[in-house]
């Protein structure tokens, strides 16, 4: 499975961005998918995840209420709508396909990773 993330860019604090991630094969439609991010000098951290059915979304405390994850299995795609962005949201965002159908906050639960898309939020 190959993943292609897009939608990153530069935005002012308080603004919005929508990240997209397309999987190369429909096998991803049977698996949970998620988003992680990595800021400079920090470890990659969980952001959001969604089950293969499109429900059971999980969010990190830092983004809950501001970010929304969704997916379109017909397109083998997952999306991350990011609103009310803050400078601390600045990071490279990675999409990933989980090994199972249930979402997880653990990096080890994901077997396929995209190349990342950079989100920069200016103050």
C-alpha atoms as a PDB file:
ATOM      1  CA  UNK A   1       0.000   0.000   0.000  1.00  0.00           C
ATOM      2  CA  UNK A   2       1.360   3.397  -0.958  1.00  0.00           C
ATOM      3  CA  UNK A   3       0.024   6.538   0.661  1.00  0.00           C
ATOM      4  CA  UNK A   4       0.115  10.052  -0.767  1.00  0.00           C
ATOM      5  CA  UNK A   5      -0.598  12.904   1.628  1.00  0.00           C
ATOM      6  CA  UNK A   6      -1.370  16.419   0.464  1.00  0.00           C
ATOM      7  CA  UNK A   7      -2.939  19.675   1.592  1.00  0.00           C
ATOM      8  CA  UNK A   8      -0.261  21.071   3.852  1.00  0.00           C
ATOM      9  CA  UNK A   9       0.908  24.640   3.671  1.00  0.00           C
ATOM     10  CA  UNK A  10       1.355  27.911   5.504  1.00  0.00           C
ATOM     11  CA  UNK A  11      -1.601  29.349   7.386  1.00  0.00           C
ATOM     12  CA  UNK A  12      -2.111  32.003  10.024  1.00  0.00           C
ATOM     13  CA  UNK A  13      -3.175  31.098  13.527  1.00  0.00           C
ATOM     14  CA  UNK A  14      -6.935  30.635  13.670  1.00  0.00           C
ATOM     15  CA  UNK A  15      -7.063  29.452  10.079  1.00  0.00           C
ATOM     16  CA  UNK A  16      -8.001  26.104   8.580  1.00  0.00           C
ATOM     17  CA  UNK A  17      -6.467  23.448   6.372  1.00  0.00           C
ATOM     18  CA  UNK A  18      -7.731  20.145   5.027  1.00  0.00           C
ATOM     19  CA  UNK A  19      -5.268  17.316   4.615  1.00  0.00           C
ATOM     20  CA  UNK A  20      -5.950  14.445   2.240  1.00  0.00           C
ATOM     21  CA  UNK A  21      -4.341  11.035   1.973  1.00  0.00           C
ATOM     22  CA  UNK A  22      -4.996   8.597  -0.835  1.00  0.00           C
ATOM     23  CA  UNK A  23      -4.057   4.934  -0.615  1.00  0.00           C
ATOM     24  CA  UNK A  24      -2.927   3.053  -3.687  1.00  0.00           C
ATOM     25  CA  UNK A  25      -5.003  -0.027  -3.042  1.00  0.00           C
ATOM     26  CA  UNK A  26      -8.476  -0.724  -1.791  1.00  0.00           C
ATOM     27  CA  UNK A  27      -7.072  -3.023   0.882  1.00  0.00           C
ATOM     28  CA  UNK A  28      -6.942   0.107   3.015  1.00  0.00           C
ATOM     29  CA  UNK A  29     -10.746   0.156   3.088  1.00  0.00           C
ATOM     30  CA  UNK A  30     -10.700  -2.799   5.523  1.00  0.00           C
ATOM     31  CA  UNK A  31      -8.252  -1.149   7.879  1.00  0.00           C
ATOM     32  CA  UNK A  32      -8.354   1.722  10.302  1.00  0.00           C
ATOM     33  CA  UNK A  33      -6.451   4.803   9.190  1.00  0.00           C
ATOM     34  CA  UNK A  34      -4.840   7.555  11.151  1.00  0.00           C
ATOM     35  CA  UNK A  35      -2.871  10.785  11.196  1.00  0.00           C
ATOM     36  CA  UNK A  36       0.289  11.443  13.158  1.00  0.00           C
ATOM     37  CA  UNK A  37       2.532  14.490  13.257  1.00  0.00           C
ATOM     38  CA  UNK A  38       6.134  15.255  14.024  1.00  0.00           C
ATOM     39  CA  UNK A  39       7.379  18.682  15.005  1.00  0.00           C
ATOM     40  CA  UNK A  40      11.072  19.605  14.701  1.00  0.00           C
ATOM     41  CA  UNK A  41      13.087  17.965  17.452  1.00  0.00           C
ATOM     42  CA  UNK A  42      10.127  16.002  18.756  1.00  0.00           C
ATOM     43  CA  UNK A  43       8.869  12.472  18.428  1.00  0.00           C
ATOM     44  CA  UNK A  44       6.081  11.536  16.092  1.00  0.00           C
ATOM     45  CA  UNK A  45       2.772  11.772  17.940  1.00  0.00           C
ATOM     46  CA  UNK A  46      -0.755  10.565  17.413  1.00  0.00           C
ATOM     47  CA  UNK A  47      -3.320  13.046  16.098  1.00  0.00           C
ATOM     48  CA  UNK A  48      -6.450  11.187  15.010  1.00  0.00           C
ATOM     49  CA  UNK A  49      -7.665   7.807  13.785  1.00  0.00           C
ATOM     50  CA  UNK A  50     -10.809   6.313  12.313  1.00  0.00           C
ATOM     51  CA  UNK A  51     -12.145   2.779  11.901  1.00  0.00           C
ATOM     52  CA  UNK A  52     -12.608   1.107   8.533  1.00  0.00           C
ATOM     53  CA  UNK A  53     -16.346   1.778   8.734  1.00  0.00           C
ATOM     54  CA  UNK A  54     -15.715   5.467   9.249  1.00  0.00           C
ATOM     55  CA  UNK A  55     -16.763   5.572  12.901  1.00  0.00           C
ATOM     56  CA  UNK A  56     -15.082   5.268  16.262  1.00  0.00           C
ATOM     57  CA  UNK A  57     -12.859   8.275  15.728  1.00  0.00           C
ATOM     58  CA  UNK A  58     -10.078   8.890  18.216  1.00  0.00           C
ATOM     59  CA  UNK A  59      -8.362  12.223  18.808  1.00  0.00           C
ATOM     60  CA  UNK A  60      -5.454  13.431  20.850  1.00  0.00           C
ATOM     61  CA  UNK A  61      -6.344  15.843  23.638  1.00  0.00           C
ATOM     62  CA  UNK A  62      -4.480  18.627  21.890  1.00  0.00           C
ATOM     63  CA  UNK A  63      -6.655  18.550  18.750  1.00  0.00           C
ATOM     64  CA  UNK A  64     -10.013  17.296  20.003  1.00  0.00           C
ATOM     65  CA  UNK A  65     -12.747  19.776  19.131  1.00  0.00           C
ATOM     66  CA  UNK A  66     -10.629  21.463  16.448  1.00  0.00           C
ATOM     67  CA  UNK A  67      -9.729  18.621  14.063  1.00  0.00           C
ATOM     68  CA  UNK A  68     -12.060  16.162  12.350  1.00  0.00           C
ATOM     69  CA  UNK A  69     -10.995  12.938  10.672  1.00  0.00           C
ATOM     70  CA  UNK A  70     -13.091  11.319   7.957  1.00  0.00           C
ATOM     71  CA  UNK A  71     -12.625   8.765   5.211  1.00  0.00           C
ATOM     72  CA  UNK A  72     -14.037   7.734   1.856  1.00  0.00           C
ATOM     73  CA  UNK A  73     -13.527   4.023   1.247  1.00  0.00           C
ATOM     74  CA  UNK A  74     -14.683   4.328  -2.354  1.00  0.00           C
ATOM     75  CA  UNK A  75     -11.685   6.591  -2.888  1.00  0.00           C
ATOM     76  CA  UNK A  76      -9.415   4.755  -0.432  1.00  0.00           C
ATOM     77  CA  UNK A  77      -8.827   8.130   1.168  1.00  0.00           C
ATOM     78  CA  UNK A  78      -8.688   9.668   4.609  1.00  0.00           C
ATOM     79  CA  UNK A  79      -9.001  13.352   5.427  1.00  0.00           C
ATOM     80  CA  UNK A  80      -8.120  15.629   8.319  1.00  0.00           C
ATOM     81  CA  UNK A  81     -10.032  18.895   8.615  1.00  0.00           C
ATOM     82  CA  UNK A  82      -8.037  21.216  10.832  1.00  0.00           C
ATOM     83  CA  UNK A  83      -9.726  24.320  12.215  1.00  0.00           C
ATOM     84  CA  UNK A  84      -8.626  26.969  14.710  1.00  0.00           C
ATOM     85  CA  UNK A  85      -5.014  26.157  13.989  1.00  0.00           C
ATOM     86  CA  UNK A  86      -2.365  27.151  16.498  1.00  0.00           C
ATOM     87  CA  UNK A  87       1.389  27.677  16.076  1.00  0.00           C
ATOM     88  CA  UNK A  88       1.943  24.517  18.121  1.00  0.00           C
ATOM     89  CA  UNK A  89       0.184  22.534  15.382  1.00  0.00           C
ATOM     90  CA  UNK A  90       3.180  23.187  13.137  1.00  0.00           C
ATOM     91  CA  UNK A  91       4.594  19.819  12.097  1.00  0.00           C
ATOM     92  CA  UNK A  92       4.941  17.320   9.303  1.00  0.00           C
ATOM     93  CA  UNK A  93       1.698  15.356   9.188  1.00  0.00           C
ATOM     94  CA  UNK A  94       1.731  11.682   8.232  1.00  0.00           C
ATOM     95  CA  UNK A  95      -1.159   9.443   7.290  1.00  0.00           C
ATOM     96  CA  UNK A  96      -1.003   5.749   8.065  1.00  0.00           C
ATOM     97  CA  UNK A  97      -2.913   2.525   7.534  1.00  0.00           C
ATOM     98  CA  UNK A  98      -3.425   0.323  10.574  1.00  0.00           C
ATOM     99  CA  UNK A  99      -2.926  -3.416  10.627  1.00  0.00           C
ATOM    100  CA  UNK A 100      -6.436  -3.920  11.987  1.00  0.00           C
ATOM    101  CA  UNK A 101      -9.894  -2.472  11.393  1.00  0.00           C
ATOM    102  CA  UNK A 102     -10.080  -0.704  14.761  1.00  0.00           C
ATOM    103  CA  UNK A 103      -8.385   2.655  15.295  1.00  0.00           C
ATOM    104  CA  UNK A 104      -5.416   2.958  17.591  1.00  0.00           C
ATOM    105  CA  UNK A 105      -3.316   5.723  19.101  1.00  0.00           C
ATOM    106  CA  UNK A 106      -0.158   3.606  18.987  1.00  0.00           C
ATOM    107  CA  UNK A 107       2.395   4.012  16.206  1.00  0.00           C
ATOM    108  CA  UNK A 108       3.144   0.297  16.357  1.00  0.00           C
ATOM    109  CA  UNK A 109      -0.429  -0.468  15.233  1.00  0.00           C
ATOM    110  CA  UNK A 110       0.227   1.047  11.821  1.00  0.00           C
ATOM    111  CA  UNK A 111       2.007  -0.828   9.073  1.00  0.00           C
ATOM    112  CA  UNK A 112       2.001   1.654   6.187  1.00  0.00           C
ATOM    113  CA  UNK A 113       3.002   5.303   6.264  1.00  0.00           C
ATOM    114  CA  UNK A 114       2.776   8.173   3.800  1.00  0.00           C
ATOM    115  CA  UNK A 115       5.624  10.562   3.067  1.00  0.00           C
ATOM    116  CA  UNK A 116       4.247  13.449   5.127  1.00  0.00           C
ATOM    117  CA  UNK A 117       2.976  16.927   4.352  1.00  0.00           C
ATOM    118  CA  UNK A 118       4.226  20.046   6.120  1.00  0.00           C
ATOM    119  CA  UNK A 119       1.815  22.282   8.008  1.00  0.00           C
ATOM    120  CA  UNK A 120       3.157  25.615   9.229  1.00  0.00           C
ATOM    121  CA  UNK A 121       1.012  27.860  11.409  1.00  0.00           C
ATOM    122  CA  UNK A 122       2.244  31.405  11.873  1.00  0.00           C
ATOM    123  CA  UNK A 123       1.380  33.502  14.899  1.00  0.00           C
END
